[in-house]
Amino acid sequence: TIFESGISMNDVNQGGIGNCYLLATFAALCEIPELIVGLFRTLKVTKNGYYEVVLNINGVWQVVTLDEYFPCDKNSKQFVFCTPK
């Protein structure tokens, strides 16, 4: 499953772009793990790495498509944006 080792606010770490407000929201939601789980339309790992989450954007609930491929720095091989545990 996607969350096999649980959900913790310590899993959310700031990365190299200015997305601290979004990450702070995710960290706050981690206090009640059911809220994070409820955003995902499926909890199974998919073969194609395609996932759908439901987010409230400007007051409207919308389905957002994600994939499991994250941009990394060419030299350090570290995630460019946020750094999950």
PDB file of N, CA and C in Angstrom:
ATOM      1  N   THR A   1       0.837  -1.190   0.000  1.00  0.00           N
ATOM      2  CA  THR A   1       0.000   0.000   0.000  1.00  0.00           C
ATOM      3  C   THR A   1       0.872   1.241   0.000  1.00  0.00           C
ATOM      4  N   ILE A   2       0.265   2.372  -0.262  1.00  0.00           N
ATOM      5  CA  ILE A   2       1.013   3.625  -0.322  1.00  0.00           C
ATOM      6  C   ILE A   2       1.545   4.035   1.048  1.00  0.00           C
ATOM      7  N   PHE A   3       0.749   3.854   2.085  1.00  0.00           N
ATOM      8  CA  PHE A   3       1.119   4.315   3.423  1.00  0.00           C
ATOM      9  C   PHE A   3       1.462   3.148   4.346  1.00  0.00           C
ATOM     10  N   GLU A   4       2.259   2.204   3.878  1.00  0.00           N
ATOM     11  CA  GLU A   4       2.494   0.997   4.664  1.00  0.00           C
ATOM     12  C   GLU A   4       3.225   1.246   5.970  1.00  0.00           C
ATOM     13  N   SER A   5       4.029   2.313   6.077  1.00  0.00           N
ATOM     14  CA  SER A   5       4.745   2.577   7.336  1.00  0.00           C
ATOM     15  C   SER A   5       4.099   3.712   8.120  1.00  0.00           C
ATOM     16  N   GLY A   6       2.864   4.072   7.783  1.00  0.00           N
ATOM     17  CA  GLY A   6       2.146   5.097   8.524  1.00  0.00           C
ATOM     18  C   GLY A   6       2.338   6.491   7.948  1.00  0.00           C
ATOM     19  N   ILE A   7       1.684   7.445   8.587  1.00  0.00           N
ATOM     20  CA  ILE A   7       1.724   8.839   8.150  1.00  0.00           C
ATOM     21  C   ILE A   7       2.147   9.680   9.342  1.00  0.00           C
ATOM     22  N   SER A   8       3.138  10.539   9.129  1.00  0.00           N
ATOM     23  CA  SER A   8       3.632  11.404  10.199  1.00  0.00           C
ATOM     24  C   SER A   8       3.985  12.768   9.626  1.00  0.00           C
ATOM     25  N   MET A   9       3.780  13.823  10.413  1.00  0.00           N
ATOM     26  CA  MET A   9       4.152  15.150   9.941  1.00  0.00           C
ATOM     27  C   MET A   9       5.656  15.257   9.737  1.00  0.00           C
ATOM     28  N   ASN A  10       6.426  14.372  10.369  1.00  0.00           N
ATOM     29  CA  ASN A  10       7.879  14.360  10.188  1.00  0.00           C
ATOM     30  C   ASN A  10       8.282  13.835   8.811  1.00  0.00           C
ATOM     31  N   ASP A  11       7.323  13.295   8.065  1.00  0.00           N
ATOM     32  CA  ASP A  11       7.595  12.818   6.706  1.00  0.00           C
ATOM     33  C   ASP A  11       7.654  13.964   5.698  1.00  0.00           C
ATOM     34  N   VAL A  12       7.202  15.149   6.082  1.00  0.00           N
ATOM     35  CA  VAL A  12       7.123  16.293   5.170  1.00  0.00           C
ATOM     36  C   VAL A  12       8.317  17.218   5.441  1.00  0.00           C
ATOM     37  N   ASN A  13       9.151  17.400   4.442  1.00  0.00           N
ATOM     38  CA  ASN A  13      10.331  18.260   4.572  1.00  0.00           C
ATOM     39  C   ASN A  13      10.389  19.247   3.421  1.00  0.00           C
ATOM     40  N   GLN A  14      10.711  20.500   3.738  1.00  0.00           N
ATOM     41  CA  GLN A  14      10.806  21.549   2.726  1.00  0.00           C
ATOM     42  C   GLN A  14      11.942  21.247   1.757  1.00  0.00           C
ATOM     43  N   GLY A  15      11.738  21.585   0.512  1.00  0.00           N
ATOM     44  CA  GLY A  15      12.757  21.377  -0.509  1.00  0.00           C
ATOM     45  C   GLY A  15      13.236  22.691  -1.091  1.00  0.00           C
ATOM     46  N   GLY A  16      13.496  22.695  -2.391  1.00  0.00           N
ATOM     47  CA  GLY A  16      14.130  23.829  -3.034  1.00  0.00           C
ATOM     48  C   GLY A  16      13.217  24.842  -3.684  1.00  0.00           C
ATOM     49  N   ILE A  17      11.896  24.700  -3.554  1.00  0.00           N
ATOM     50  CA  ILE A  17      11.014  25.713  -4.154  1.00  0.00           C
ATOM     51  C   ILE A  17      10.138  26.307  -3.066  1.00  0.00           C
ATOM     52  N   GLY A  18       9.456  27.370  -3.375  1.00  0.00           N
ATOM     53  CA  GLY A  18       8.631  28.074  -2.398  1.00  0.00           C
ATOM     54  C   GLY A  18       7.268  27.465  -2.212  1.00  0.00           C
ATOM     55  N   ASN A  19       7.209  26.241  -1.781  1.00  0.00           N
ATOM     56  CA  ASN A  19       5.918  25.574  -1.573  1.00  0.00           C
ATOM     57  C   ASN A  19       5.664  25.298  -0.094  1.00  0.00           C
ATOM     58  N   CYS A  20       6.213  26.150   0.786  1.00  0.00           N
ATOM     59  CA  CYS A  20       6.124  25.875   2.218  1.00  0.00           C
ATOM     60  C   CYS A  20       4.683  25.899   2.726  1.00  0.00           C
ATOM     61  N   TYR A  21       3.809  26.730   2.138  1.00  0.00           N
ATOM     62  CA  TYR A  21       2.421  26.765   2.599  1.00  0.00           C
ATOM     63  C   TYR A  21       1.698  25.462   2.275  1.00  0.00           C
ATOM     64  N   LEU A  22       1.922  24.920   1.109  1.00  0.00           N
ATOM     65  CA  LEU A  22       1.320  23.640   0.739  1.00  0.00           C
ATOM     66  C   LEU A  22       1.858  22.527   1.637  1.00  0.00           C
ATOM     67  N   LEU A  23       3.163  22.511   1.861  1.00  0.00           N
ATOM     68  CA  LEU A  23       3.749  21.471   2.708  1.00  0.00           C
ATOM     69  C   LEU A  23       3.306  21.609   4.163  1.00  0.00           C
ATOM     70  N   ALA A  24       3.142  22.832   4.635  1.00  0.00           N
ATOM     71  CA  ALA A  24       2.647  23.037   5.998  1.00  0.00           C
ATOM     72  C   ALA A  24       1.224  22.497   6.136  1.00  0.00           C
ATOM     73  N   THR A  25       0.430  22.661   5.081  1.00  0.00           N
ATOM     74  CA  THR A  25      -0.928  22.116   5.080  1.00  0.00           C
ATOM     75  C   THR A  25      -0.895  20.594   5.165  1.00  0.00           C
ATOM     76  N   PHE A  26      -0.028  19.970   4.365  1.00  0.00           N
ATOM     77  CA  PHE A  26       0.097  18.507   4.411  1.00  0.00           C
ATOM     78  C   PHE A  26       0.569  18.040   5.787  1.00  0.00           C
ATOM     79  N   ALA A  27       1.535  18.750   6.373  1.00  0.00           N
ATOM     80  CA  ALA A  27       2.039  18.376   7.695  1.00  0.00           C
ATOM     81  C   ALA A  27       0.928  18.479   8.740  1.00  0.00           C
ATOM     82  N   ALA A  28       0.108  19.528   8.659  1.00  0.00           N
ATOM     83  CA  ALA A  28      -1.009  19.681   9.593  1.00  0.00           C
ATOM     84  C   ALA A  28      -2.028  18.559   9.412  1.00  0.00           C
ATOM     85  N   LEU A  29      -2.313  18.200   8.159  1.00  0.00           N
ATOM     86  CA  LEU A  29      -3.252  17.106   7.896  1.00  0.00           C
ATOM     87  C   LEU A  29      -2.741  15.783   8.449  1.00  0.00           C
ATOM     88  N   CYS A  30      -1.425  15.635   8.548  1.00  0.00           N
ATOM     89  CA  CYS A  30      -0.842  14.391   9.061  1.00  0.00           C
ATOM     90  C   CYS A  30      -1.201  14.149  10.522  1.00  0.00           C
ATOM     91  N   GLU A  31      -1.615  15.190  11.226  1.00  0.00           N
ATOM     92  CA  GLU A  31      -2.059  15.015  12.612  1.00  0.00           C
ATOM     93  C   GLU A  31      -3.281  14.103  12.682  1.00  0.00           C
ATOM     94  N   ILE A  32      -4.048  14.073  11.605  1.00  0.00           N
ATOM     95  CA  ILE A  32      -5.209  13.183  11.501  1.00  0.00           C
ATOM     96  C   ILE A  32      -5.013  12.383  10.211  1.00  0.00           C
ATOM     97  N   PRO A  33      -4.278  11.260  10.273  1.00  0.00           N
ATOM     98  CA  PRO A  33      -3.913  10.508   9.067  1.00  0.00           C
ATOM     99  C   PRO A  33      -5.074  10.157   8.150  1.00  0.00           C
ATOM    100  N   GLU A  34      -6.266   9.992   8.704  1.00  0.00           N
ATOM    101  CA  GLU A  34      -7.420   9.646   7.882  1.00  0.00           C
ATOM    102  C   GLU A  34      -7.709  10.735   6.843  1.00  0.00           C
ATOM    103  N   LEU A  35      -7.360  11.983   7.164  1.00  0.00           N
ATOM    104  CA  LEU A  35      -7.579  13.071   6.210  1.00  0.00           C
ATOM    105  C   LEU A  35      -6.672  12.937   4.992  1.00  0.00           C
ATOM    106  N   ILE A  36      -5.421  12.541   5.217  1.00  0.00           N
ATOM    107  CA  ILE A  36      -4.492  12.324   4.102  1.00  0.00           C
ATOM    108  C   ILE A  36      -4.954  11.137   3.273  1.00  0.00           C
ATOM    109  N   VAL A  37      -5.290  10.045   3.933  1.00  0.00           N
ATOM    110  CA  VAL A  37      -5.739   8.838   3.230  1.00  0.00           C
ATOM    111  C   VAL A  37      -6.976   9.157   2.394  1.00  0.00           C
ATOM    112  N   GLY A  38      -7.871   9.990   2.914  1.00  0.00           N
ATOM    113  CA  GLY A  38      -9.096  10.337   2.211  1.00  0.00           C
ATOM    114  C   GLY A  38      -8.878  11.137   0.932  1.00  0.00           C
ATOM    115  N   LEU A  39      -7.714  11.741   0.771  1.00  0.00           N
ATOM    116  CA  LEU A  39      -7.425  12.506  -0.443  1.00  0.00           C
ATOM    117  C   LEU A  39      -7.115  11.610  -1.636  1.00  0.00           C
ATOM    118  N   PHE A  40      -6.690  10.378  -1.377  1.00  0.00           N
ATOM    119  CA  PHE A  40      -6.283   9.471  -2.449  1.00  0.00           C
ATOM    120  C   PHE A  40      -7.468   8.649  -2.925  1.00  0.00           C
ATOM    121  N   ARG A  41      -7.597   8.544  -4.251  1.00  0.00           N
ATOM    122  CA  ARG A  41      -8.709   7.774  -4.823  1.00  0.00           C
ATOM    123  C   ARG A  41      -8.436   6.286  -4.790  1.00  0.00           C
ATOM    124  N   THR A  42      -7.174   5.885  -4.676  1.00  0.00           N
ATOM    125  CA  THR A  42      -6.805   4.479  -4.480  1.00  0.00           C
ATOM    126  C   THR A  42      -5.610   4.437  -3.544  1.00  0.00           C
ATOM    127  N   LEU A  43      -5.532   3.389  -2.737  1.00  0.00           N
ATOM    128  CA  LEU A  43      -4.412   3.240  -1.807  1.00  0.00           C
ATOM    129  C   LEU A  43      -3.455   2.141  -2.233  1.00  0.00           C
ATOM    130  N   LYS A  44      -3.705   1.581  -3.413  1.00  0.00           N
ATOM    131  CA  LYS A  44      -2.833   0.528  -3.916  1.00  0.00           C
ATOM    132  C   LYS A  44      -1.741   1.130  -4.791  1.00  0.00           C
ATOM    133  N   VAL A  45      -0.559   0.536  -4.732  1.00  0.00           N
ATOM    134  CA  VAL A  45       0.528   0.948  -5.612  1.00  0.00           C
ATOM    135  C   VAL A  45       0.168   0.511  -7.022  1.00  0.00           C
ATOM    136  N   THR A  46       0.271   1.417  -7.966  1.00  0.00           N
ATOM    137  CA  THR A  46      -0.095   1.096  -9.338  1.00  0.00           C
ATOM    138  C   THR A  46       1.136   0.762 -10.172  1.00  0.00           C
ATOM    139  N   LYS A  47       0.964  -0.088 -11.159  1.00  0.00           N
ATOM    140  CA  LYS A  47       2.080  -0.485 -12.019  1.00  0.00           C
ATOM    141  C   LYS A  47       2.600   0.674 -12.862  1.00  0.00           C
ATOM    142  N   ASN A  48       1.699   1.569 -13.265  1.00  0.00           N
ATOM    143  CA  ASN A  48       2.118   2.672 -14.133  1.00  0.00           C
ATOM    144  C   ASN A  48       2.519   3.927 -13.359  1.00  0.00           C
ATOM    145  N   GLY A  49       2.441   3.903 -12.027  1.00  0.00           N
ATOM    146  CA  GLY A  49       2.846   5.044 -11.220  1.00  0.00           C
ATOM    147  C   GLY A  49       1.897   6.226 -11.284  1.00  0.00           C
ATOM    148  N   TYR A  50       0.658   5.992 -11.676  1.00  0.00           N
ATOM    149  CA  TYR A  50      -0.359   7.026 -11.860  1.00  0.00           C
ATOM    150  C   TYR A  50      -1.292   7.019 -10.655  1.00  0.00           C
ATOM    151  N   TYR A  51      -1.498   8.191 -10.051  1.00  0.00           N
ATOM    152  CA  TYR A  51      -2.375   8.303  -8.883  1.00  0.00           C
ATOM    153  C   TYR A  51      -3.269   9.518  -9.037  1.00  0.00           C
ATOM    154  N   GLU A  52      -4.439   9.450  -8.433  1.00  0.00           N
ATOM    155  CA  GLU A  52      -5.342  10.584  -8.407  1.00  0.00           C
ATOM    156  C   GLU A  52      -5.611  10.955  -6.955  1.00  0.00           C
ATOM    157  N   VAL A  53      -5.519  12.252  -6.666  1.00  0.00           N
ATOM    158  CA  VAL A  53      -5.871  12.772  -5.350  1.00  0.00           C
ATOM    159  C   VAL A  53      -6.939  13.842  -5.552  1.00  0.00           C
ATOM    160  N   VAL A  54      -7.725  14.060  -4.522  1.00  0.00           N
ATOM    161  CA  VAL A  54      -8.775  15.066  -4.565  1.00  0.00           C
ATOM    162  C   VAL A  54      -8.333  16.210  -3.660  1.00  0.00           C
ATOM    163  N   LEU A  55      -8.188  17.415  -4.238  1.00  0.00           N
ATOM    164  CA  LEU A  55      -7.758  18.588  -3.499  1.00  0.00           C
ATOM    165  C   LEU A  55      -8.786  19.704  -3.677  1.00  0.00           C
ATOM    166  N   ASN A  56      -8.929  20.507  -2.633  1.00  0.00           N
ATOM    167  CA  ASN A  56      -9.809  21.656  -2.699  1.00  0.00           C
ATOM    168  C   ASN A  56      -8.982  22.836  -3.195  1.00  0.00           C
ATOM    169  N   ILE A  57      -9.224  23.266  -4.417  1.00  0.00           N
ATOM    170  CA  ILE A  57      -8.476  24.355  -5.040  1.00  0.00           C
ATOM    171  C   ILE A  57      -9.432  25.525  -5.238  1.00  0.00           C
ATOM    172  N   ASN A  58      -9.160  26.616  -4.525  1.00  0.00           N
ATOM    173  CA  ASN A  58     -10.014  27.812  -4.591  1.00  0.00           C
ATOM    174  C   ASN A  58     -11.478  27.500  -4.299  1.00  0.00           C
ATOM    175  N   GLY A  59     -11.708  26.622  -3.317  1.00  0.00           N
ATOM    176  CA  GLY A  59     -13.066  26.308  -2.895  1.00  0.00           C
ATOM    177  C   GLY A  59     -13.777  25.246  -3.707  1.00  0.00           C
ATOM    178  N   VAL A  60     -13.083  24.659  -4.686  1.00  0.00           N
ATOM    179  CA  VAL A  60     -13.694  23.633  -5.538  1.00  0.00           C
ATOM    180  C   VAL A  60     -12.880  22.346  -5.408  1.00  0.00           C
ATOM    181  N   TRP A  61     -13.560  21.233  -5.090  1.00  0.00           N
ATOM    182  CA  TRP A  61     -12.879  19.945  -5.019  1.00  0.00           C
ATOM    183  C   TRP A  61     -12.566  19.478  -6.435  1.00  0.00           C
ATOM    184  N   GLN A  62     -11.282  19.177  -6.673  1.00  0.00           N
ATOM    185  CA  GLN A  62     -10.833  18.780  -8.004  1.00  0.00           C
ATOM    186  C   GLN A  62      -9.946  17.547  -7.910  1.00  0.00           C
ATOM    187  N   VAL A  63     -10.028  16.702  -8.927  1.00  0.00           N
ATOM    188  CA  VAL A  63      -9.146  15.550  -9.023  1.00  0.00           C
ATOM    189  C   VAL A  63      -7.843  16.008  -9.671  1.00  0.00           C
ATOM    190  N   VAL A  64      -6.728  15.716  -8.999  1.00  0.00           N
ATOM    191  CA  VAL A  64      -5.405  16.088  -9.491  1.00  0.00           C
ATOM    192  C   VAL A  64      -4.633  14.797  -9.767  1.00  0.00           C
ATOM    193  N   THR A  65      -4.028  14.714 -10.924  1.00  0.00           N
ATOM    194  CA  THR A  65      -3.254  13.536 -11.313  1.00  0.00           C
ATOM    195  C   THR A  65      -1.805  13.696 -10.870  1.00  0.00           C
ATOM    196  N   LEU A  66      -1.277  12.665 -10.241  1.00  0.00           N
ATOM    197  CA  LEU A  66       0.123  12.634  -9.817  1.00  0.00           C
ATOM    198  C   LEU A  66       0.804  11.425 -10.431  1.00  0.00           C
ATOM    199  N   ASP A  67       2.113  11.490 -10.537  1.00  0.00           N
ATOM    200  CA  ASP A  67       2.858  10.288 -10.878  1.00  0.00           C
ATOM    201  C   ASP A  67       3.945  10.101  -9.835  1.00  0.00           C
ATOM    202  N   GLU A  68       4.596   8.967  -9.854  1.00  0.00           N
ATOM    203  CA  GLU A  68       5.603   8.669  -8.832  1.00  0.00           C
ATOM    204  C   GLU A  68       7.020   9.014  -9.276  1.00  0.00           C
ATOM    205  N   TYR A  69       7.130   9.799 -10.327  1.00  0.00           N
ATOM    206  CA  TYR A  69       8.439  10.209 -10.803  1.00  0.00           C
ATOM    207  C   TYR A  69       8.705  11.634 -10.349  1.00  0.00           C
ATOM    208  N   PHE A  70       9.755  11.811  -9.573  1.00  0.00           N
ATOM    209  CA  PHE A  70      10.065  13.102  -8.986  1.00  0.00           C
ATOM    210  C   PHE A  70      11.397  13.615  -9.518  1.00  0.00           C
ATOM    211  N   PRO A  71      11.463  14.900  -9.860  1.00  0.00           N
ATOM    212  CA  PRO A  71      12.715  15.453 -10.381  1.00  0.00           C
ATOM    213  C   PRO A  71      13.807  15.456  -9.319  1.00  0.00           C
ATOM    214  N   CYS A  72      15.011  15.077  -9.741  1.00  0.00           N
ATOM    215  CA  CYS A  72      16.162  15.014  -8.839  1.00  0.00           C
ATOM    216  C   CYS A  72      17.313  15.849  -9.396  1.00  0.00           C
ATOM    217  N   ASP A  73      18.161  16.309  -8.495  1.00  0.00           N
ATOM    218  CA  ASP A  73      19.356  17.033  -8.904  1.00  0.00           C
ATOM    219  C   ASP A  73      20.291  16.061  -9.618  1.00  0.00           C
ATOM    220  N   LYS A  74      20.822  16.487 -10.748  1.00  0.00           N
ATOM    221  CA  LYS A  74      21.662  15.617 -11.582  1.00  0.00           C
ATOM    222  C   LYS A  74      22.906  15.130 -10.843  1.00  0.00           C
ATOM    223  N   ASN A  75      23.515  16.013 -10.036  1.00  0.00           N
ATOM    224  CA  ASN A  75      24.765  15.659  -9.352  1.00  0.00           C
ATOM    225  C   ASN A  75      24.532  14.934  -8.030  1.00  0.00           C
ATOM    226  N   SER A  76      23.673  15.497  -7.181  1.00  0.00           N
ATOM    227  CA  SER A  76      23.500  14.931  -5.836  1.00  0.00           C
ATOM    228  C   SER A  76      22.505  13.776  -5.792  1.00  0.00           C
ATOM    229  N   LYS A  77      21.658  13.667  -6.826  1.00  0.00           N
ATOM    230  CA  LYS A  77      20.610  12.645  -6.894  1.00  0.00           C
ATOM    231  C   LYS A  77      19.540  12.850  -5.808  1.00  0.00           C
ATOM    232  N   GLN A  78      19.508  14.031  -5.185  1.00  0.00           N
ATOM    233  CA  GLN A  78      18.508  14.354  -4.171  1.00  0.00           C
ATOM    234  C   GLN A  78      17.272  14.942  -4.840  1.00  0.00           C
ATOM    235  N   PHE A  79      16.121  14.793  -4.187  1.00  0.00           N
ATOM    236  CA  PHE A  79      14.904  15.388  -4.716  1.00  0.00           C
ATOM    237  C   PHE A  79      15.067  16.890  -4.822  1.00  0.00           C
ATOM    238  N   VAL A  80      14.570  17.479  -5.899  1.00  0.00           N
ATOM    239  CA  VAL A  80      14.696  18.909  -6.121  1.00  0.00           C
ATOM    240  C   VAL A  80      13.694  19.687  -5.262  1.00  0.00           C
ATOM    241  N   PHE A  81      12.506  19.173  -5.096  1.00  0.00           N
ATOM    242  CA  PHE A  81      11.458  19.909  -4.396  1.00  0.00           C
ATOM    243  C   PHE A  81      11.415  19.497  -2.928  1.00  0.00           C
ATOM    244  N   CYS A  82      10.377  18.859  -2.480  1.00  0.00           N
ATOM    245  CA  CYS A  82      10.344  18.427  -1.083  1.00  0.00           C
ATOM    246  C   CYS A  82      11.041  17.075  -0.969  1.00  0.00           C
ATOM    247  N   THR A  83      11.446  16.761   0.240  1.00  0.00           N
ATOM    248  CA  THR A  83      12.203  15.533   0.450  1.00  0.00           C
ATOM    249  C   THR A  83      11.446  14.603   1.401  1.00  0.00           C
ATOM    250  N   PRO A  84      10.725  13.623   0.861  1.00  0.00           N
ATOM    251  CA  PRO A  84       9.974  12.716   1.737  1.00  0.00           C
ATOM    252  C   PRO A  84      10.919  11.733   2.426  1.00  0.00           C
ATOM    253  N   LYS A  85      10.429  11.188   3.549  1.00  0.00           N
ATOM    254  CA  LYS A  85      11.172  10.129   4.223  1.00  0.00           C
ATOM    255  C   LYS A  85      10.702   8.833   3.660  1.00  0.00           C
TER     256      LYS A  85
END
